[in-house]
Amino acid sequence: MYTEISFPSFGITLDPPKYLQVGPLMIYYYGVIIAFGLILAVLYGCKRSREFGIREDDVVDGVLWVTPFAIACARAYYCIFSWDRYADNPIEVFYIWEGGLAIYGGVLGALIGVLVFCRIKKIKFTALLDLVLIGFLIGQSIGRWGNFMNREAFGGETMSFFRMGLLNSYNNTVYFYHPTFLYESVWNALGFVILHFASKHRKYDGQIALGYAAWYGLGRAFIEGLRTDSLYWGPFRVSQLLAAASCFAAVIALLVLSFKKHDPAAMQVNRVKAAKEAEPKTEE
C-alpha cells in the first residue's frame, strides 16, 4: 500500500525495498535488521560481561536460551491481542518476517529465558539481567528500523517538524504521520548511553534492570499514545498500560532501594572475584 517514504523537513525521500530477492529466496530486511541488532547486543554483552561477574562464554550460551523465548513471546503477545487478523488463517501466525513482534512480549520472554538460564548456570539473576537489558536497548534501537523498512509502527497524522510522509500507491497521495519508530529508536539509543555509564557506578545487582524498566516504560507510555496500530485490551492500549505500570513500579523500587545500605560483597562481580582470590595457588 505504502511505497515512497519522505521526511520533508530534512529534504529526504526514500523508497527502500522490503526484501532482497536471491533466486527463489526472499530475504526480508525486517529480519536482517533485527538480527544485526541482536549481534551488536551480544558483542556488547561479551565485551562487558566480566564487569558483571559473568563469563563471556555464558553470555553466548545465554543468547541461545534467551532469543527463542524472546521471539516466541514477542510473537505470541502480538497475535493474542490482534487475533482477529489471524483467526481466518492461523498459519500466518508464523509469518514473522512480515512484521508483528510486540516488544513487551519480547521483554517478558527474555525475562523467562534469563531466569531459566540462571537456574541452570547458577548465575545471579539480577546481575545477568542488568547486562542483558543494556544490550537489549541496542537491539530495540536498531530493530525499530525494521519497522521503517516495512512501513509500519507509525503514529497518527501530523504536520509537525518531524513528520514522515508515506505515499499511498492506491491514490498516489502522500500522508504525513508521526514516525514513532524513529522516536522510540532515538529514545532507546539515549537510554543505552545513560545506562551504559550508570552501570559503571551501580551499587547493587538489579539496579540497571530497574533503570531500564523506568526509562523504557516512560518513553513507551508516551510514544504508544501516538501510534495507530496499538494492541488493545478493551478500551485500553495494552503496551501503554504495561509501560506506565512498569515505569511507576521501577521508580518506586529505585527510590526505596536508594535509602537502603547495600553490601558490595553481595554483588555477582565481587563474589566471583572473592571466590577466585580464595582459590589455593598452585606452585609451578
C-alpha atoms as a PDB file:
ATOM      1  CA  MET A   1       0.000   0.000   0.000  1.00  0.00           C
ATOM      2  CA  TYR A   2       2.693   2.493   1.043  1.00  0.00           C
ATOM      3  CA  THR A   3       5.764   2.929  -1.140  1.00  0.00           C
ATOM      4  CA  GLU A   4       7.865   6.108  -1.021  1.00  0.00           C
ATOM      5  CA  ILE A   5       8.938   7.465   2.388  1.00  0.00           C
ATOM      6  CA  SER A   6       9.865  11.112   2.903  1.00  0.00           C
ATOM      7  CA  PHE A   7      10.956  13.496   5.625  1.00  0.00           C
ATOM      8  CA  PRO A   8      10.193  16.890   4.041  1.00  0.00           C
ATOM      9  CA  SER A   9      11.739  18.945   6.858  1.00  0.00           C
ATOM     10  CA  PHE A  10      15.087  17.321   6.066  1.00  0.00           C
ATOM     11  CA  GLY A  11      14.678  17.067   2.298  1.00  0.00           C
ATOM     12  CA  ILE A  12      14.859  13.245   2.405  1.00  0.00           C
ATOM     13  CA  THR A  13      12.900  10.923   0.102  1.00  0.00           C
ATOM     14  CA  LEU A  14      13.477   7.157   0.041  1.00  0.00           C
ATOM     15  CA  ASP A  15      11.854   4.039  -1.336  1.00  0.00           C
ATOM     16  CA  PRO A  16      13.626   1.190   0.481  1.00  0.00           C
ATOM     17  CA  PRO A  17      12.764  -2.369  -0.568  1.00  0.00           C
ATOM     18  CA  LYS A  18      11.181  -4.734   1.944  1.00  0.00           C
ATOM     19  CA  TYR A  19      13.242  -7.715   0.855  1.00  0.00           C
ATOM     20  CA  LEU A  20      16.164  -8.878  -1.252  1.00  0.00           C
ATOM     21  CA  GLN A  21      15.381 -11.447  -3.938  1.00  0.00           C
ATOM     22  CA  VAL A  22      18.091 -14.095  -4.343  1.00  0.00           C
ATOM     23  CA  GLY A  23      16.746 -16.623  -6.840  1.00  0.00           C
ATOM     24  CA  PRO A  24      13.614 -18.122  -5.263  1.00  0.00           C
ATOM     25  CA  LEU A  25      14.677 -16.897  -1.822  1.00  0.00           C
ATOM     26  CA  MET A  26      13.315 -13.652  -0.364  1.00  0.00           C
ATOM     27  CA  ILE A  27      15.456 -12.177   2.423  1.00  0.00           C
ATOM     28  CA  TYR A  28      13.356  -9.666   4.360  1.00  0.00           C
ATOM     29  CA  TYR A  29      15.244  -6.647   5.665  1.00  0.00           C
ATOM     30  CA  TYR A  30      12.997  -6.660   8.741  1.00  0.00           C
ATOM     31  CA  GLY A  31      14.637  -9.891   9.898  1.00  0.00           C
ATOM     32  CA  VAL A  32      18.124  -8.822   8.801  1.00  0.00           C
ATOM     33  CA  ILE A  33      17.926  -5.601  10.823  1.00  0.00           C
ATOM     34  CA  ILE A  34      16.657  -7.374  13.940  1.00  0.00           C
ATOM     35  CA  ALA A  35      19.436  -9.954  13.594  1.00  0.00           C
ATOM     36  CA  PHE A  36      22.008  -7.169  13.238  1.00  0.00           C
ATOM     37  CA  GLY A  37      20.726  -5.519  16.417  1.00  0.00           C
ATOM     38  CA  LEU A  38      20.958  -8.847  18.237  1.00  0.00           C
ATOM     39  CA  ILE A  39      24.540  -9.391  17.088  1.00  0.00           C
ATOM     40  CA  LEU A  40      25.599  -5.943  18.332  1.00  0.00           C
ATOM     41  CA  ALA A  41      23.846  -6.585  21.654  1.00  0.00           C
ATOM     42  CA  VAL A  42      25.712  -9.884  22.048  1.00  0.00           C
ATOM     43  CA  LEU A  43      29.059  -8.295  21.200  1.00  0.00           C
ATOM     44  CA  TYR A  44      28.384  -5.593  23.782  1.00  0.00           C
ATOM     45  CA  GLY A  45      27.443  -8.205  26.379  1.00  0.00           C
ATOM     46  CA  CYS A  46      30.616 -10.189  25.722  1.00  0.00           C
ATOM     47  CA  LYS A  47      32.753  -7.061  25.949  1.00  0.00           C
ATOM     48  CA  ARG A  48      31.392  -6.087  29.378  1.00  0.00           C
ATOM     49  CA  SER A  49      30.492  -9.475  30.830  1.00  0.00           C
ATOM     50  CA  ARG A  50      33.362  -9.684  33.323  1.00  0.00           C
ATOM     51  CA  GLU A  51      32.400  -6.319  34.807  1.00  0.00           C
ATOM     52  CA  PHE A  52      29.203  -8.045  35.917  1.00  0.00           C
ATOM     53  CA  GLY A  53      30.907 -11.200  37.153  1.00  0.00           C
ATOM     54  CA  ILE A  54      29.759 -13.257  34.182  1.00  0.00           C
ATOM     55  CA  ARG A  55      31.881 -15.306  31.820  1.00  0.00           C
ATOM     56  CA  GLU A  56      31.902 -14.403  28.148  1.00  0.00           C
ATOM     57  CA  ASP A  57      31.006 -17.994  27.226  1.00  0.00           C
ATOM     58  CA  ASP A  58      27.938 -17.769  29.439  1.00  0.00           C
ATOM     59  CA  VAL A  59      26.780 -14.677  27.541  1.00  0.00           C
ATOM     60  CA  VAL A  60      26.976 -16.542  24.233  1.00  0.00           C
ATOM     61  CA  ASP A  61      25.282 -19.623  25.700  1.00  0.00           C
ATOM     62  CA  GLY A  62      22.629 -17.393  27.239  1.00  0.00           C
ATOM     63  CA  VAL A  63      21.747 -15.922  23.846  1.00  0.00           C
ATOM     64  CA  LEU A  64      20.913 -19.417  22.602  1.00  0.00           C
ATOM     65  CA  TRP A  65      18.482 -19.729  25.516  1.00  0.00           C
ATOM     66  CA  VAL A  66      17.025 -16.244  25.677  1.00  0.00           C
ATOM     67  CA  THR A  67      16.495 -15.500  21.972  1.00  0.00           C
ATOM     68  CA  PRO A  68      13.922 -18.265  21.294  1.00  0.00           C
ATOM     69  CA  PHE A  69      11.971 -17.276  24.420  1.00  0.00           C
ATOM     70  CA  ALA A  70      12.023 -13.596  23.427  1.00  0.00           C
ATOM     71  CA  ILE A  71      10.947 -14.157  19.815  1.00  0.00           C
ATOM     72  CA  ALA A  72       8.231 -16.675  20.702  1.00  0.00           C
ATOM     73  CA  CYS A  73       6.755 -14.470  23.412  1.00  0.00           C
ATOM     74  CA  ALA A  74       7.006 -11.318  21.271  1.00  0.00           C
ATOM     75  CA  ARG A  75       5.032 -13.024  18.520  1.00  0.00           C
ATOM     76  CA  ALA A  76       2.547 -14.654  20.913  1.00  0.00           C
ATOM     77  CA  TYR A  77       1.872 -11.334  22.660  1.00  0.00           C
ATOM     78  CA  TYR A  78       1.206  -9.616  19.338  1.00  0.00           C
ATOM     79  CA  CYS A  79      -1.036 -12.369  17.961  1.00  0.00           C
ATOM     80  CA  ILE A  80      -3.075 -12.774  21.155  1.00  0.00           C
ATOM     81  CA  PHE A  81      -4.031  -9.110  21.212  1.00  0.00           C
ATOM     82  CA  SER A  82      -4.701  -8.935  17.459  1.00  0.00           C
ATOM     83  CA  TRP A  83      -6.190 -12.374  16.906  1.00  0.00           C
ATOM     84  CA  ASP A  84      -8.863 -11.069  14.538  1.00  0.00           C
ATOM     85  CA  ARG A  85      -6.096 -10.665  11.941  1.00  0.00           C
ATOM     86  CA  TYR A  86      -5.163 -14.357  12.123  1.00  0.00           C
ATOM     87  CA  ALA A  87      -8.412 -16.127  13.019  1.00  0.00           C
ATOM     88  CA  ASP A  88      -9.276 -16.920   9.378  1.00  0.00           C
ATOM     89  CA  ASN A  89      -5.770 -18.129   8.515  1.00  0.00           C
ATOM     90  CA  PRO A  90      -3.894 -19.149  11.709  1.00  0.00           C
ATOM     91  CA  ILE A  91      -0.814 -20.283   9.774  1.00  0.00           C
ATOM     92  CA  GLU A  92       0.057 -16.593   9.318  1.00  0.00           C
ATOM     93  CA  VAL A  93       0.968 -16.523  12.998  1.00  0.00           C
ATOM     94  CA  PHE A  94       4.308 -17.978  11.900  1.00  0.00           C
ATOM     95  CA  TYR A  95       4.950 -15.305   9.224  1.00  0.00           C
ATOM     96  CA  ILE A  96       7.123 -13.160  11.498  1.00  0.00           C
ATOM     97  CA  TRP A  97       9.117 -11.762   8.556  1.00  0.00           C
ATOM     98  CA  GLU A  98       6.047  -9.716   7.647  1.00  0.00           C
ATOM     99  CA  GLY A  99       6.246  -7.887  10.988  1.00  0.00           C
ATOM    100  CA  GLY A 100       4.228  -8.261  14.152  1.00  0.00           C
ATOM    101  CA  LEU A 101       6.570  -8.655  17.120  1.00  0.00           C
ATOM    102  CA  ALA A 102       5.412  -6.922  20.295  1.00  0.00           C
ATOM    103  CA  ILE A 103       8.409  -5.661  22.230  1.00  0.00           C
ATOM    104  CA  TYR A 104       6.791  -6.143  25.629  1.00  0.00           C
ATOM    105  CA  GLY A 105       6.216  -9.772  24.766  1.00  0.00           C
ATOM    106  CA  GLY A 106       9.907  -9.932  23.847  1.00  0.00           C
ATOM    107  CA  VAL A 107      10.905  -8.425  27.183  1.00  0.00           C
ATOM    108  CA  LEU A 108       8.733 -10.917  29.077  1.00  0.00           C
ATOM    109  CA  GLY A 109      10.186 -13.753  27.018  1.00  0.00           C
ATOM    110  CA  ALA A 110      13.706 -12.535  27.698  1.00  0.00           C
ATOM    111  CA  LEU A 111      12.969 -12.443  31.439  1.00  0.00           C
ATOM    112  CA  ILE A 112      11.746 -16.036  31.348  1.00  0.00           C
ATOM    113  CA  GLY A 113      14.747 -17.128  29.290  1.00  0.00           C
ATOM    114  CA  VAL A 114      17.226 -15.388  31.605  1.00  0.00           C
ATOM    115  CA  LEU A 115      15.551 -16.899  34.679  1.00  0.00           C
ATOM    116  CA  VAL A 116      15.737 -20.436  33.268  1.00  0.00           C
ATOM    117  CA  PHE A 117      19.328 -19.937  32.154  1.00  0.00           C
ATOM    118  CA  CYS A 118      20.406 -18.557  35.529  1.00  0.00           C
ATOM    119  CA  ARG A 119      18.885 -21.557  37.291  1.00  0.00           C
ATOM    120  CA  ILE A 120      20.881 -23.912  35.089  1.00  0.00           C
ATOM    121  CA  LYS A 121      24.154 -21.989  35.245  1.00  0.00           C
ATOM    122  CA  LYS A 122      23.756 -20.888  38.888  1.00  0.00           C
ATOM    123  CA  ILE A 123      24.278 -17.230  37.972  1.00  0.00           C
ATOM    124  CA  LYS A 124      22.692 -14.423  39.955  1.00  0.00           C
ATOM    125  CA  PHE A 125      19.536 -13.488  38.055  1.00  0.00           C
ATOM    126  CA  THR A 126      19.629  -9.747  38.728  1.00  0.00           C
ATOM    127  CA  ALA A 127      23.277  -9.453  37.689  1.00  0.00           C
ATOM    128  CA  LEU A 128      22.710 -11.101  34.320  1.00  0.00           C
ATOM    129  CA  LEU A 129      19.525  -9.105  33.859  1.00  0.00           C
ATOM    130  CA  ASP A 130      21.475  -5.869  34.298  1.00  0.00           C
ATOM    131  CA  LEU A 131      23.828  -6.836  31.491  1.00  0.00           C
ATOM    132  CA  VAL A 132      21.141  -8.268  29.201  1.00  0.00           C
ATOM    133  CA  LEU A 133      18.848  -5.255  29.378  1.00  0.00           C
ATOM    134  CA  ILE A 134      21.566  -2.759  28.493  1.00  0.00           C
ATOM    135  CA  GLY A 135      22.240  -4.823  25.381  1.00  0.00           C
ATOM    136  CA  PHE A 136      18.504  -5.150  24.817  1.00  0.00           C
ATOM    137  CA  LEU A 137      18.328  -1.393  24.291  1.00  0.00           C
ATOM    138  CA  ILE A 138      20.827  -1.746  21.450  1.00  0.00           C
ATOM    139  CA  GLY A 139      18.653  -4.385  19.803  1.00  0.00           C
ATOM    140  CA  GLN A 140      15.486  -2.351  20.335  1.00  0.00           C
ATOM    141  CA  SER A 141      17.013   0.836  18.944  1.00  0.00           C
ATOM    142  CA  ILE A 142      18.277  -0.849  15.784  1.00  0.00           C
ATOM    143  CA  GLY A 143      15.350  -3.238  15.431  1.00  0.00           C
ATOM    144  CA  ARG A 144      12.866  -0.379  15.099  1.00  0.00           C
ATOM    145  CA  TRP A 145      14.363   0.346  11.679  1.00  0.00           C
ATOM    146  CA  GLY A 146      12.881  -2.958  10.568  1.00  0.00           C
ATOM    147  CA  ASN A 147       9.516  -1.225  11.073  1.00  0.00           C
ATOM    148  CA  PHE A 148      10.783   1.581   8.838  1.00  0.00           C
ATOM    149  CA  MET A 149      11.528  -0.887   6.035  1.00  0.00           C
ATOM    150  CA  ASN A 150       8.067  -2.433   6.463  1.00  0.00           C
ATOM    151  CA  ARG A 151       6.288   0.973   6.593  1.00  0.00           C
ATOM    152  CA  GLU A 152       4.701   0.108   9.931  1.00  0.00           C
ATOM    153  CA  ALA A 153       4.605   1.166  13.600  1.00  0.00           C
ATOM    154  CA  PHE A 154       3.997   4.816  12.742  1.00  0.00           C
ATOM    155  CA  GLY A 155       1.709   7.226  14.560  1.00  0.00           C
ATOM    156  CA  GLY A 156      -1.281   9.370  13.738  1.00  0.00           C
ATOM    157  CA  GLU A 157      -1.358  12.077  11.098  1.00  0.00           C
ATOM    158  CA  THR A 158       0.616  15.235  11.860  1.00  0.00           C
ATOM    159  CA  MET A 159       2.241  18.236  10.263  1.00  0.00           C
ATOM    160  CA  SER A 160       4.959  18.525  12.914  1.00  0.00           C
ATOM    161  CA  PHE A 161       8.588  19.247  12.030  1.00  0.00           C
ATOM    162  CA  PHE A 162       9.493  15.553  12.328  1.00  0.00           C
ATOM    163  CA  ARG A 163       6.596  14.322  10.186  1.00  0.00           C
ATOM    164  CA  MET A 164       7.116  11.354   7.896  1.00  0.00           C
ATOM    165  CA  GLY A 165       5.396  11.216   4.525  1.00  0.00           C
ATOM    166  CA  LEU A 166       4.109   7.912   3.145  1.00  0.00           C
ATOM    167  CA  LEU A 167       2.998   7.697  -0.475  1.00  0.00           C
ATOM    168  CA  ASN A 168      -0.250   5.760  -0.790  1.00  0.00           C
ATOM    169  CA  SER A 169       0.148   3.797  -4.028  1.00  0.00           C
ATOM    170  CA  TYR A 170      -3.614   3.348  -4.383  1.00  0.00           C
ATOM    171  CA  ASN A 171      -4.438   7.037  -4.807  1.00  0.00           C
ATOM    172  CA  ASN A 172      -0.917   8.448  -5.332  1.00  0.00           C
ATOM    173  CA  THR A 173      -1.347  10.742  -2.309  1.00  0.00           C
ATOM    174  CA  VAL A 174       1.226  11.468   0.407  1.00  0.00           C
ATOM    175  CA  TYR A 175       0.009  11.318   4.010  1.00  0.00           C
ATOM    176  CA  PHE A 176       2.091  12.602   6.913  1.00  0.00           C
ATOM    177  CA  TYR A 177       2.454  10.684  10.171  1.00  0.00           C
ATOM    178  CA  HIS A 178       4.417  10.696  13.413  1.00  0.00           C
ATOM    179  CA  PRO A 179       7.491   8.486  12.810  1.00  0.00           C
ATOM    180  CA  THR A 180       7.020   6.716  16.156  1.00  0.00           C
ATOM    181  CA  PHE A 181       9.511   4.017  15.176  1.00  0.00           C
ATOM    182  CA  LEU A 182      12.118   6.806  14.979  1.00  0.00           C
ATOM    183  CA  TYR A 183      11.058   8.348  18.297  1.00  0.00           C
ATOM    184  CA  GLU A 184      11.465   5.002  20.031  1.00  0.00           C
ATOM    185  CA  SER A 185      14.743   4.210  18.287  1.00  0.00           C
ATOM    186  CA  VAL A 186      16.277   7.504  19.456  1.00  0.00           C
ATOM    187  CA  TRP A 187      14.813   7.111  22.963  1.00  0.00           C
ATOM    188  CA  ASN A 188      16.311   3.627  23.272  1.00  0.00           C
ATOM    189  CA  ALA A 189      19.687   4.766  21.959  1.00  0.00           C
ATOM    190  CA  LEU A 190      19.761   7.560  24.528  1.00  0.00           C
ATOM    191  CA  GLY A 191      18.725   5.097  27.237  1.00  0.00           C
ATOM    192  CA  PHE A 192      21.568   2.800  26.235  1.00  0.00           C
ATOM    193  CA  VAL A 193      24.123   5.602  26.627  1.00  0.00           C
ATOM    194  CA  ILE A 194      22.729   6.589  30.029  1.00  0.00           C
ATOM    195  CA  LEU A 195      22.581   3.041  31.405  1.00  0.00           C
ATOM    196  CA  HIS A 196      25.989   2.169  29.955  1.00  0.00           C
ATOM    197  CA  PHE A 197      27.673   4.839  32.046  1.00  0.00           C
ATOM    198  CA  ALA A 198      25.358   4.374  35.027  1.00  0.00           C
ATOM    199  CA  SER A 199      26.242   0.666  35.135  1.00  0.00           C
ATOM    200  CA  LYS A 200      29.850   1.539  35.944  1.00  0.00           C
ATOM    201  CA  HIS A 201      28.664   3.010  39.238  1.00  0.00           C
ATOM    202  CA  ARG A 202      25.913   0.573  40.215  1.00  0.00           C
ATOM    203  CA  LYS A 203      25.521  -0.149  43.915  1.00  0.00           C
ATOM    204  CA  TYR A 204      23.661  -3.461  43.726  1.00  0.00           C
ATOM    205  CA  ASP A 205      22.644  -6.117  41.211  1.00  0.00           C
ATOM    206  CA  GLY A 206      19.322  -5.296  39.598  1.00  0.00           C
ATOM    207  CA  GLN A 207      19.783  -1.531  39.745  1.00  0.00           C
ATOM    208  CA  ILE A 208      20.325  -1.227  35.997  1.00  0.00           C
ATOM    209  CA  ALA A 209      17.396  -3.542  35.253  1.00  0.00           C
ATOM    210  CA  LEU A 210      15.158  -1.220  37.263  1.00  0.00           C
ATOM    211  CA  GLY A 211      16.645   1.730  35.399  1.00  0.00           C
ATOM    212  CA  TYR A 212      15.757   0.032  32.117  1.00  0.00           C
ATOM    213  CA  ALA A 213      12.158  -0.530  33.226  1.00  0.00           C
ATOM    214  CA  ALA A 214      11.833   3.095  34.313  1.00  0.00           C
ATOM    215  CA  TRP A 215      13.445   4.585  31.193  1.00  0.00           C
ATOM    216  CA  TYR A 216      11.835   2.380  28.584  1.00  0.00           C
ATOM    217  CA  GLY A 217       8.471   2.442  30.327  1.00  0.00           C
ATOM    218  CA  LEU A 218       8.454   6.246  30.448  1.00  0.00           C
ATOM    219  CA  GLY A 219       9.228   6.649  26.755  1.00  0.00           C
ATOM    220  CA  ARG A 220       6.909   3.900  25.588  1.00  0.00           C
ATOM    221  CA  ALA A 221       3.995   5.211  27.658  1.00  0.00           C
ATOM    222  CA  PHE A 222       4.108   8.479  25.698  1.00  0.00           C
ATOM    223  CA  ILE A 223       5.088   7.108  22.277  1.00  0.00           C
ATOM    224  CA  GLU A 224       2.458   4.364  22.333  1.00  0.00           C
ATOM    225  CA  GLY A 225      -0.206   7.036  22.715  1.00  0.00           C
ATOM    226  CA  LEU A 226       0.756   8.405  19.276  1.00  0.00           C
ATOM    227  CA  ARG A 227       0.524   5.102  17.415  1.00  0.00           C
ATOM    228  CA  THR A 228      -2.390   3.951  15.292  1.00  0.00           C
ATOM    229  CA  ASP A 229      -1.623   0.206  15.423  1.00  0.00           C
ATOM    230  CA  SER A 230      -1.692  -0.333  19.194  1.00  0.00           C
ATOM    231  CA  LEU A 231      -2.873  -3.632  20.625  1.00  0.00           C
ATOM    232  CA  TYR A 232      -5.954  -3.107  22.784  1.00  0.00           C
ATOM    233  CA  TRP A 233      -7.460  -4.789  25.810  1.00  0.00           C
ATOM    234  CA  GLY A 234     -10.969  -3.401  25.788  1.00  0.00           C
ATOM    235  CA  PRO A 235     -10.607   0.407  25.566  1.00  0.00           C
ATOM    236  CA  PHE A 236      -7.001   0.355  26.818  1.00  0.00           C
ATOM    237  CA  ARG A 237      -3.740   0.222  24.889  1.00  0.00           C
ATOM    238  CA  VAL A 238      -2.030  -2.848  26.370  1.00  0.00           C
ATOM    239  CA  SER A 239       1.559  -1.701  25.891  1.00  0.00           C
ATOM    240  CA  GLN A 240       0.815   1.784  27.194  1.00  0.00           C
ATOM    241  CA  LEU A 241      -0.662   0.356  30.400  1.00  0.00           C
ATOM    242  CA  LEU A 242       2.287  -2.006  30.872  1.00  0.00           C
ATOM    243  CA  ALA A 243       4.758   0.780  30.130  1.00  0.00           C
ATOM    244  CA  ALA A 244       3.236   3.176  32.635  1.00  0.00           C
ATOM    245  CA  ALA A 245       2.889   0.468  35.301  1.00  0.00           C
ATOM    246  CA  SER A 246       6.462  -0.807  34.853  1.00  0.00           C
ATOM    247  CA  CYS A 247       7.857   2.740  34.928  1.00  0.00           C
ATOM    248  CA  PHE A 248       5.940   3.596  38.102  1.00  0.00           C
ATOM    249  CA  ALA A 249       6.933   0.359  39.861  1.00  0.00           C
ATOM    250  CA  ALA A 250      10.594   0.701  38.842  1.00  0.00           C
ATOM    251  CA  VAL A 251      10.836   4.329  40.020  1.00  0.00           C
ATOM    252  CA  ILE A 252       9.299   3.421  43.389  1.00  0.00           C
ATOM    253  CA  ALA A 253      11.707   0.487  43.756  1.00  0.00           C
ATOM    254  CA  LEU A 254      14.708   2.658  42.855  1.00  0.00           C
ATOM    255  CA  LEU A 255      13.671   5.302  45.381  1.00  0.00           C
ATOM    256  CA  VAL A 256      13.127   2.771  48.176  1.00  0.00           C
ATOM    257  CA  LEU A 257      16.397   0.973  47.461  1.00  0.00           C
ATOM    258  CA  SER A 258      18.311   4.271  47.347  1.00  0.00           C
ATOM    259  CA  PHE A 259      17.766   4.583  51.113  1.00  0.00           C
ATOM    260  CA  LYS A 260      18.931   1.049  51.792  1.00  0.00           C
ATOM    261  CA  LYS A 261      22.539   0.189  52.562  1.00  0.00           C
ATOM    262  CA  HIS A 262      23.941  -2.293  50.067  1.00  0.00           C
ATOM    263  CA  ASP A 263      26.807  -4.682  50.739  1.00  0.00           C
ATOM    264  CA  PRO A 264      29.235  -4.565  47.784  1.00  0.00           C
ATOM    265  CA  ALA A 265      30.327  -8.121  48.604  1.00  0.00           C
ATOM    266  CA  ALA A 266      26.855  -9.369  47.649  1.00  0.00           C
ATOM    267  CA  MET A 267      27.253  -8.281  44.026  1.00  0.00           C
ATOM    268  CA  GLN A 268      27.930 -11.026  41.498  1.00  0.00           C
ATOM    269  CA  VAL A 269      31.141  -9.449  40.231  1.00  0.00           C
ATOM    270  CA  ASN A 270      32.597  -9.155  43.736  1.00  0.00           C
ATOM    271  CA  ARG A 271      31.503 -12.659  44.703  1.00  0.00           C
ATOM    272  CA  VAL A 272      33.278 -14.074  41.656  1.00  0.00           C
ATOM    273  CA  LYS A 273      36.368 -12.008  42.426  1.00  0.00           C
ATOM    274  CA  ALA A 274      36.416 -13.150  46.063  1.00  0.00           C
ATOM    275  CA  ALA A 275      35.993 -16.786  45.031  1.00  0.00           C
ATOM    276  CA  LYS A 276      38.974 -16.550  42.681  1.00  0.00           C
ATOM    277  CA  GLU A 277      41.132 -14.926  45.345  1.00  0.00           C
ATOM    278  CA  ALA A 278      40.199 -17.691  47.780  1.00  0.00           C
ATOM    279  CA  GLU A 279      41.304 -20.435  45.400  1.00  0.00           C
ATOM    280  CA  PRO A 280      44.514 -22.168  46.542  1.00  0.00           C
ATOM    281  CA  LYS A 281      47.505 -21.101  44.494  1.00  0.00           C
ATOM    282  CA  THR A 282      49.465 -23.884  42.854  1.00  0.00           C
ATOM    283  CA  GLU A 283      53.235 -23.726  42.742  1.00  0.00           C
ATOM    284  CA  GLU A 284      54.879 -24.185  39.391  1.00  0.00           C
END
